[in-house]
Amino acid sequence: MASMTSSLVGQRLVVKANKAVRARNVQVKAMASKPKVITKAADLRLIGKAVTAAEELGLLGIADGISLASIEKAGLLSTAEKVIYDRGSPGTISTLGFLLAVAGAGAVYAIPDETTTEVVLQAVLASACAVGFGVSLTASSLLRKLQN
């Protein structure tokens, strides 16, 4: 089995010769390569925008106390890598968003609105689910664009 990279298609190609047939009959299969997510994010200047937004929100001060070793120990880097490079992740994330929307509507329907506490609980749950819905759809769309 020979492996090569084609500059014309930008994909890694695997060439297999069928043993039953002579070397004239060669199968070529294009293997799906990992999407160039970081390169596309840099091209769209998303990394700089994210750092600027985090700085404006004061998140960098919070992140100052977190070390890379603790992030790695928690397994967040490997999980993030799996999510970024998995082609099914955008669909999973958008499905989660729709489930959150249904959960928010279900909370408003299921929780009676007889007392002030129950109405506040409805509002808090519905708001949290609506924010989660918006974030998940935005993240799904962004990840899909970065993977293409």
N, C-alpha and C. Protein backbone atom coordinates (compact mmCIF):
# COMPACT_ATOMS: atom_id res chain seq x y z
N MET A 1 0.85 -1.16 0.00
CA MET A 1 0.00 0.00 0.00
C MET A 1 0.90 1.23 0.00
N ALA A 2 0.66 2.12 -0.90
CA ALA A 2 1.43 3.35 -0.99
C ALA A 2 0.55 4.51 -0.55
N SER A 3 1.15 5.48 0.09
CA SER A 3 0.42 6.64 0.56
C SER A 3 1.11 7.89 0.03
N MET A 4 0.33 8.82 -0.46
CA MET A 4 0.90 10.06 -0.98
C MET A 4 -0.09 11.19 -0.79
N THR A 5 0.40 12.40 -0.89
CA THR A 5 -0.46 13.57 -0.78
C THR A 5 -0.54 14.24 -2.14
N SER A 6 -1.72 14.50 -2.58
CA SER A 6 -1.94 15.14 -3.87
C SER A 6 -2.07 16.64 -3.66
N SER A 7 -1.30 17.40 -4.39
CA SER A 7 -1.39 18.85 -4.27
C SER A 7 -2.59 19.39 -5.04
N LEU A 8 -3.12 18.61 -5.97
CA LEU A 8 -4.25 19.08 -6.76
C LEU A 8 -5.56 19.05 -5.98
N VAL A 9 -5.77 17.99 -5.22
CA VAL A 9 -7.01 17.88 -4.48
C VAL A 9 -6.85 18.23 -3.02
N GLY A 10 -5.65 18.34 -2.52
CA GLY A 10 -5.43 18.70 -1.14
C GLY A 10 -5.84 17.63 -0.15
N GLN A 11 -5.93 16.39 -0.60
CA GLN A 11 -6.29 15.29 0.27
C GLN A 11 -5.22 14.22 0.21
N ARG A 12 -5.16 13.45 1.28
CA ARG A 12 -4.23 12.34 1.33
C ARG A 12 -4.85 11.19 0.55
N LEU A 13 -4.08 10.58 -0.32
CA LEU A 13 -4.58 9.49 -1.15
C LEU A 13 -3.90 8.20 -0.75
N VAL A 14 -4.67 7.13 -0.72
CA VAL A 14 -4.14 5.81 -0.45
C VAL A 14 -4.34 4.98 -1.70
N VAL A 15 -3.27 4.37 -2.17
CA VAL A 15 -3.33 3.56 -3.37
C VAL A 15 -3.13 2.11 -2.97
N LYS A 16 -4.11 1.25 -3.32
CA LYS A 16 -4.03 -0.18 -3.00
C LYS A 16 -4.04 -0.96 -4.30
N ALA A 17 -3.13 -1.88 -4.42
CA ALA A 17 -3.12 -2.76 -5.59
C ALA A 17 -3.84 -4.04 -5.21
N ASN A 18 -4.78 -4.46 -6.02
CA ASN A 18 -5.53 -5.67 -5.78
C ASN A 18 -4.63 -6.86 -6.11
N LYS A 19 -4.43 -7.78 -5.14
CA LYS A 19 -3.52 -8.91 -5.33
C LYS A 19 -4.04 -9.90 -6.37
N ALA A 20 -5.35 -10.03 -6.48
CA ALA A 20 -5.92 -10.99 -7.43
C ALA A 20 -5.75 -10.51 -8.87
N VAL A 21 -5.68 -9.23 -9.05
CA VAL A 21 -5.57 -8.66 -10.39
C VAL A 21 -4.16 -8.08 -10.53
N ARG A 22 -3.69 -7.97 -11.74
CA ARG A 22 -2.35 -7.42 -11.99
C ARG A 22 -2.24 -5.98 -11.49
N ALA A 23 -1.06 -5.44 -11.49
CA ALA A 23 -0.80 -4.09 -11.01
C ALA A 23 -1.45 -3.02 -11.86
N ARG A 24 -2.02 -3.39 -13.01
CA ARG A 24 -2.69 -2.41 -13.86
C ARG A 24 -3.96 -1.87 -13.21
N ASN A 25 -4.61 -2.71 -12.42
CA ASN A 25 -5.86 -2.34 -11.78
C ASN A 25 -5.55 -1.79 -10.39
N VAL A 26 -5.53 -0.50 -10.24
CA VAL A 26 -5.17 0.14 -8.97
C VAL A 26 -6.36 0.94 -8.47
N GLN A 27 -6.67 0.77 -7.19
CA GLN A 27 -7.76 1.51 -6.58
C GLN A 27 -7.19 2.73 -5.86
N VAL A 28 -7.84 3.84 -6.03
CA VAL A 28 -7.42 5.07 -5.36
C VAL A 28 -8.59 5.56 -4.52
N LYS A 29 -8.33 5.73 -3.23
CA LYS A 29 -9.36 6.21 -2.32
C LYS A 29 -8.87 7.49 -1.67
N ALA A 30 -9.70 8.49 -1.66
CA ALA A 30 -9.36 9.74 -0.97
C ALA A 30 -9.79 9.60 0.48
N MET A 31 -8.84 9.80 1.38
CA MET A 31 -9.15 9.72 2.79
C MET A 31 -9.50 11.12 3.29
N ALA A 32 -10.52 11.19 4.12
CA ALA A 32 -10.94 12.49 4.65
C ALA A 32 -9.86 13.00 5.60
N SER A 33 -9.35 14.16 5.32
CA SER A 33 -8.34 14.73 6.19
C SER A 33 -9.02 15.59 7.25
N LYS A 34 -8.27 15.91 8.30
CA LYS A 34 -8.82 16.75 9.35
C LYS A 34 -9.05 18.14 8.78
N PRO A 35 -10.16 18.75 9.14
CA PRO A 35 -10.39 20.10 8.66
C PRO A 35 -9.36 21.07 9.25
N LYS A 36 -9.01 22.09 8.53
CA LYS A 36 -8.03 23.07 8.97
C LYS A 36 -8.74 24.18 9.74
N VAL A 37 -9.25 23.82 10.92
CA VAL A 37 -10.08 24.72 11.72
C VAL A 37 -9.27 25.92 12.21
N ILE A 38 -8.09 25.68 12.75
CA ILE A 38 -7.28 26.76 13.31
C ILE A 38 -6.86 27.74 12.20
N THR A 39 -6.49 27.22 11.05
CA THR A 39 -6.09 28.08 9.93
C THR A 39 -7.25 28.97 9.49
N LYS A 40 -8.45 28.38 9.39
CA LYS A 40 -9.61 29.17 8.98
C LYS A 40 -9.97 30.20 10.04
N ALA A 41 -9.85 29.82 11.32
CA ALA A 41 -10.14 30.78 12.40
C ALA A 41 -9.16 31.94 12.36
N ALA A 42 -7.90 31.66 12.05
CA ALA A 42 -6.90 32.72 11.94
C ALA A 42 -7.18 33.59 10.72
N ASP A 43 -7.58 32.98 9.61
CA ASP A 43 -7.90 33.74 8.40
C ASP A 43 -9.08 34.69 8.62
N LEU A 44 -10.05 34.25 9.41
CA LEU A 44 -11.22 35.08 9.70
C LEU A 44 -10.96 36.05 10.85
N ARG A 45 -9.76 36.00 11.40
CA ARG A 45 -9.34 36.84 12.53
C ARG A 45 -10.22 36.62 13.75
N LEU A 46 -10.70 35.40 13.92
CA LEU A 46 -11.56 35.09 15.06
C LEU A 46 -10.78 34.97 16.36
N ILE A 47 -9.53 34.53 16.27
CA ILE A 47 -8.74 34.33 17.48
C ILE A 47 -8.48 35.67 18.14
N GLY A 48 -8.07 36.66 17.36
CA GLY A 48 -7.82 38.00 17.92
C GLY A 48 -9.09 38.62 18.48
N LYS A 49 -10.21 38.42 17.78
CA LYS A 49 -11.48 38.96 18.25
C LYS A 49 -11.91 38.29 19.56
N ALA A 50 -11.66 36.98 19.67
CA ALA A 50 -12.02 36.27 20.89
C ALA A 50 -11.18 36.75 22.07
N VAL A 51 -9.89 36.96 21.83
CA VAL A 51 -9.02 37.45 22.91
C VAL A 51 -9.43 38.85 23.33
N THR A 52 -9.75 39.71 22.37
CA THR A 52 -10.19 41.07 22.68
C THR A 52 -11.49 41.06 23.48
N ALA A 53 -12.44 40.23 23.07
CA ALA A 53 -13.71 40.14 23.78
C ALA A 53 -13.51 39.59 25.19
N ALA A 54 -12.65 38.59 25.33
CA ALA A 54 -12.38 38.03 26.66
C ALA A 54 -11.71 39.07 27.55
N GLU A 55 -10.85 39.88 26.97
CA GLU A 55 -10.17 40.92 27.73
C GLU A 55 -11.17 41.98 28.19
N GLU A 56 -12.09 42.36 27.30
CA GLU A 56 -13.10 43.36 27.66
C GLU A 56 -14.05 42.87 28.73
N LEU A 57 -14.35 41.59 28.73
CA LEU A 57 -15.25 41.02 29.73
C LEU A 57 -14.55 40.69 31.04
N GLY A 58 -13.24 40.83 31.07
CA GLY A 58 -12.48 40.54 32.29
C GLY A 58 -12.23 39.05 32.50
N LEU A 59 -12.38 38.27 31.45
CA LEU A 59 -12.19 36.82 31.57
C LEU A 59 -10.72 36.43 31.65
N LEU A 60 -9.83 37.29 31.13
CA LEU A 60 -8.41 36.95 31.18
C LEU A 60 -7.88 36.97 32.61
N GLY A 61 -8.42 37.84 33.44
CA GLY A 61 -8.03 37.87 34.84
C GLY A 61 -8.44 36.60 35.56
N ILE A 62 -9.61 36.09 35.21
CA ILE A 62 -10.08 34.83 35.80
C ILE A 62 -9.22 33.67 35.31
N ALA A 63 -8.90 33.70 34.02
CA ALA A 63 -8.11 32.62 33.43
C ALA A 63 -6.66 32.65 33.88
N ASP A 64 -6.24 33.76 34.49
CA ASP A 64 -4.86 33.88 34.96
C ASP A 64 -4.51 32.81 35.98
N GLY A 65 -5.46 32.44 36.81
CA GLY A 65 -5.21 31.45 37.85
C GLY A 65 -5.27 30.01 37.37
N ILE A 66 -5.68 29.80 36.13
CA ILE A 66 -5.81 28.45 35.59
C ILE A 66 -4.55 28.13 34.79
N SER A 67 -3.94 27.00 35.11
CA SER A 67 -2.72 26.61 34.38
C SER A 67 -3.07 25.62 33.28
N LEU A 68 -2.19 25.55 32.30
CA LEU A 68 -2.38 24.61 31.20
C LEU A 68 -2.35 23.17 31.70
N ALA A 69 -1.55 22.93 32.73
CA ALA A 69 -1.48 21.58 33.30
C ALA A 69 -2.83 21.16 33.90
N SER A 70 -3.51 22.09 34.57
CA SER A 70 -4.81 21.74 35.15
C SER A 70 -5.86 21.52 34.07
N ILE A 71 -5.77 22.27 32.98
CA ILE A 71 -6.69 22.08 31.86
C ILE A 71 -6.43 20.72 31.21
N GLU A 72 -5.16 20.39 31.05
CA GLU A 72 -4.79 19.11 30.46
C GLU A 72 -5.19 17.95 31.37
N LYS A 73 -5.02 18.13 32.67
CA LYS A 73 -5.37 17.08 33.63
C LYS A 73 -6.87 16.80 33.61
N ALA A 74 -7.66 17.84 33.41
CA ALA A 74 -9.11 17.67 33.36
C ALA A 74 -9.57 17.03 32.05
N GLY A 75 -8.68 16.92 31.07
CA GLY A 75 -9.02 16.30 29.80
C GLY A 75 -9.76 17.22 28.84
N LEU A 76 -9.72 18.52 29.11
CA LEU A 76 -10.45 19.46 28.27
C LEU A 76 -9.82 19.64 26.89
N LEU A 77 -8.50 19.55 26.80
CA LEU A 77 -7.85 19.73 25.51
C LEU A 77 -8.18 18.60 24.54
N SER A 78 -8.13 17.36 25.03
CA SER A 78 -8.43 16.24 24.14
C SER A 78 -9.91 16.23 23.76
N THR A 79 -10.77 16.62 24.69
CA THR A 79 -12.20 16.69 24.39
C THR A 79 -12.48 17.77 23.35
N ALA A 80 -11.84 18.93 23.52
CA ALA A 80 -12.03 20.02 22.56
C ALA A 80 -11.53 19.61 21.18
N GLU A 81 -10.41 18.90 21.14
CA GLU A 81 -9.87 18.45 19.85
C GLU A 81 -10.83 17.48 19.16
N LYS A 82 -11.42 16.58 19.93
CA LYS A 82 -12.39 15.64 19.36
C LYS A 82 -13.61 16.37 18.79
N VAL A 83 -14.08 17.36 19.54
CA VAL A 83 -15.26 18.11 19.10
C VAL A 83 -14.95 18.92 17.85
N ILE A 84 -13.79 19.56 17.82
CA ILE A 84 -13.43 20.42 16.69
C ILE A 84 -13.27 19.62 15.40
N TYR A 85 -12.64 18.46 15.49
CA TYR A 85 -12.34 17.70 14.27
C TYR A 85 -13.39 16.68 13.88
N ASP A 86 -14.39 16.45 14.72
CA ASP A 86 -15.46 15.52 14.39
C ASP A 86 -16.47 16.21 13.48
N ARG A 87 -16.70 15.65 12.31
CA ARG A 87 -17.61 16.27 11.34
C ARG A 87 -19.07 16.25 11.80
N GLY A 88 -19.40 15.39 12.77
CA GLY A 88 -20.77 15.32 13.27
C GLY A 88 -21.05 16.26 14.42
N SER A 89 -20.02 16.93 14.93
CA SER A 89 -20.20 17.81 16.09
C SER A 89 -21.17 18.97 15.86
N PRO A 90 -21.13 19.66 14.71
CA PRO A 90 -22.09 20.75 14.53
C PRO A 90 -23.55 20.29 14.63
N GLY A 91 -23.85 19.13 14.08
CA GLY A 91 -25.21 18.60 14.19
C GLY A 91 -25.58 18.24 15.61
N THR A 92 -24.63 17.67 16.34
CA THR A 92 -24.88 17.31 17.74
C THR A 92 -25.11 18.56 18.58
N ILE A 93 -24.32 19.59 18.34
CA ILE A 93 -24.44 20.83 19.10
C ILE A 93 -25.78 21.53 18.80
N SER A 94 -26.19 21.54 17.54
CA SER A 94 -27.48 22.17 17.21
C SER A 94 -28.65 21.36 17.77
N THR A 95 -28.51 20.03 17.80
CA THR A 95 -29.55 19.20 18.41
C THR A 95 -29.68 19.51 19.90
N LEU A 96 -28.54 19.69 20.56
CA LEU A 96 -28.55 20.08 21.97
C LEU A 96 -29.28 21.41 22.15
N GLY A 97 -29.05 22.34 21.24
CA GLY A 97 -29.74 23.63 21.31
C GLY A 97 -31.24 23.49 21.19
N PHE A 98 -31.70 22.66 20.27
CA PHE A 98 -33.14 22.47 20.12
C PHE A 98 -33.73 21.77 21.33
N LEU A 99 -32.97 20.85 21.94
CA LEU A 99 -33.44 20.21 23.17
C LEU A 99 -33.56 21.23 24.30
N LEU A 100 -32.63 22.17 24.37
CA LEU A 100 -32.72 23.23 25.37
C LEU A 100 -33.95 24.11 25.14
N ALA A 101 -34.26 24.40 23.89
CA ALA A 101 -35.45 25.21 23.58
C ALA A 101 -36.72 24.48 24.03
N VAL A 102 -36.76 23.19 23.76
CA VAL A 102 -37.93 22.40 24.18
C VAL A 102 -38.00 22.32 25.71
N ALA A 103 -36.84 22.18 26.36
CA ALA A 103 -36.82 22.12 27.82
C ALA A 103 -37.30 23.44 28.43
N GLY A 104 -36.92 24.56 27.84
CA GLY A 104 -37.37 25.85 28.35
C GLY A 104 -38.87 26.01 28.22
N ALA A 105 -39.40 25.62 27.07
CA ALA A 105 -40.85 25.70 26.87
C ALA A 105 -41.57 24.72 27.80
N GLY A 106 -40.98 23.54 27.98
CA GLY A 106 -41.57 22.55 28.89
C GLY A 106 -41.58 23.03 30.33
N ALA A 107 -40.53 23.75 30.73
CA ALA A 107 -40.48 24.27 32.09
C ALA A 107 -41.59 25.30 32.32
N VAL A 108 -41.81 26.15 31.34
CA VAL A 108 -42.88 27.15 31.46
C VAL A 108 -44.24 26.46 31.50
N TYR A 109 -44.40 25.41 30.73
CA TYR A 109 -45.67 24.69 30.70
C TYR A 109 -45.89 23.87 31.97
N ALA A 110 -44.84 23.20 32.46
CA ALA A 110 -44.98 22.26 33.57
C ALA A 110 -45.04 22.94 34.94
N ILE A 111 -44.33 24.04 35.09
CA ILE A 111 -44.31 24.71 36.39
C ILE A 111 -45.54 25.62 36.48
N PRO A 112 -46.38 25.41 37.49
CA PRO A 112 -47.56 26.27 37.62
C PRO A 112 -47.14 27.71 37.95
N ASP A 113 -47.98 28.65 37.59
CA ASP A 113 -47.66 30.05 37.86
C ASP A 113 -48.63 30.65 38.87
N GLU A 114 -48.70 29.97 40.03
CA GLU A 114 -49.61 30.40 41.08
C GLU A 114 -48.93 31.34 42.07
N THR A 115 -47.64 31.21 42.27
CA THR A 115 -46.93 32.08 43.21
C THR A 115 -45.84 32.85 42.47
N THR A 116 -45.33 33.86 43.14
CA THR A 116 -44.26 34.66 42.55
C THR A 116 -43.00 33.82 42.36
N THR A 117 -42.73 32.95 43.30
CA THR A 117 -41.54 32.09 43.22
C THR A 117 -41.60 31.20 41.98
N GLU A 118 -42.75 30.65 41.72
CA GLU A 118 -42.90 29.78 40.55
C GLU A 118 -42.75 30.55 39.24
N VAL A 119 -43.27 31.77 39.20
CA VAL A 119 -43.14 32.59 38.00
C VAL A 119 -41.67 32.97 37.78
N VAL A 120 -40.97 33.31 38.88
CA VAL A 120 -39.54 33.63 38.77
C VAL A 120 -38.77 32.40 38.31
N LEU A 121 -39.10 31.24 38.84
CA LEU A 121 -38.44 29.99 38.43
C LEU A 121 -38.67 29.73 36.94
N GLN A 122 -39.89 29.94 36.47
CA GLN A 122 -40.18 29.79 35.05
C GLN A 122 -39.32 30.73 34.21
N ALA A 123 -39.26 31.98 34.64
CA ALA A 123 -38.51 32.99 33.88
C ALA A 123 -37.02 32.66 33.85
N VAL A 124 -36.47 32.22 34.99
CA VAL A 124 -35.04 31.90 35.05
C VAL A 124 -34.73 30.69 34.18
N LEU A 125 -35.51 29.63 34.29
CA LEU A 125 -35.27 28.43 33.48
C LEU A 125 -35.46 28.71 31.99
N ALA A 126 -36.51 29.44 31.65
CA ALA A 126 -36.76 29.74 30.23
C ALA A 126 -35.64 30.62 29.67
N SER A 127 -35.18 31.59 30.45
CA SER A 127 -34.10 32.46 29.99
C SER A 127 -32.80 31.69 29.82
N ALA A 128 -32.48 30.83 30.78
CA ALA A 128 -31.25 30.03 30.68
C ALA A 128 -31.30 29.11 29.46
N CYS A 129 -32.44 28.50 29.24
CA CYS A 129 -32.58 27.61 28.07
C CYS A 129 -32.52 28.40 26.76
N ALA A 130 -33.10 29.61 26.75
CA ALA A 130 -33.05 30.43 25.54
C ALA A 130 -31.62 30.87 25.23
N VAL A 131 -30.86 31.24 26.26
CA VAL A 131 -29.46 31.61 26.06
C VAL A 131 -28.66 30.40 25.57
N GLY A 132 -28.88 29.24 26.19
CA GLY A 132 -28.20 28.02 25.76
C GLY A 132 -28.54 27.65 24.33
N PHE A 133 -29.79 27.86 23.94
CA PHE A 133 -30.23 27.60 22.57
C PHE A 133 -29.48 28.50 21.59
N GLY A 134 -29.42 29.78 21.90
CA GLY A 134 -28.72 30.72 21.02
C GLY A 134 -27.24 30.43 20.92
N VAL A 135 -26.61 30.14 22.05
CA VAL A 135 -25.17 29.85 22.06
C VAL A 135 -24.88 28.58 21.28
N SER A 136 -25.69 27.56 21.47
CA SER A 136 -25.42 26.29 20.77
C SER A 136 -25.63 26.42 19.26
N LEU A 137 -26.64 27.16 18.82
CA LEU A 137 -26.83 27.34 17.38
C LEU A 137 -25.71 28.18 16.78
N THR A 138 -25.26 29.19 17.52
CA THR A 138 -24.15 30.01 17.03
C THR A 138 -22.87 29.19 16.96
N ALA A 139 -22.59 28.41 18.01
CA ALA A 139 -21.39 27.58 18.03
C ALA A 139 -21.44 26.53 16.93
N SER A 140 -22.60 25.94 16.71
CA SER A 140 -22.76 24.93 15.66
C SER A 140 -22.50 25.53 14.29
N SER A 141 -23.06 26.70 14.05
CA SER A 141 -22.87 27.36 12.76
C SER A 141 -21.41 27.74 12.54
N LEU A 142 -20.78 28.29 13.57
CA LEU A 142 -19.38 28.68 13.46
C LEU A 142 -18.48 27.48 13.22
N LEU A 143 -18.71 26.39 13.96
CA LEU A 143 -17.90 25.19 13.79
C LEU A 143 -18.09 24.59 12.41
N ARG A 144 -19.32 24.61 11.90
CA ARG A 144 -19.59 24.08 10.55
C ARG A 144 -18.83 24.91 9.50
N LYS A 145 -18.83 26.23 9.66
CA LYS A 145 -18.10 27.09 8.71
C LYS A 145 -16.60 26.85 8.80
N LEU A 146 -16.08 26.65 10.00
CA LEU A 146 -14.65 26.43 10.16
C LEU A 146 -14.22 25.07 9.62
N GLN A 147 -15.10 24.09 9.67
CA GLN A 147 -14.76 22.76 9.17
C GLN A 147 -14.82 22.67 7.65
N ASN A 148 -15.56 23.55 7.00
CA ASN A 148 -15.68 23.50 5.53
C ASN A 148 -14.50 24.14 4.86
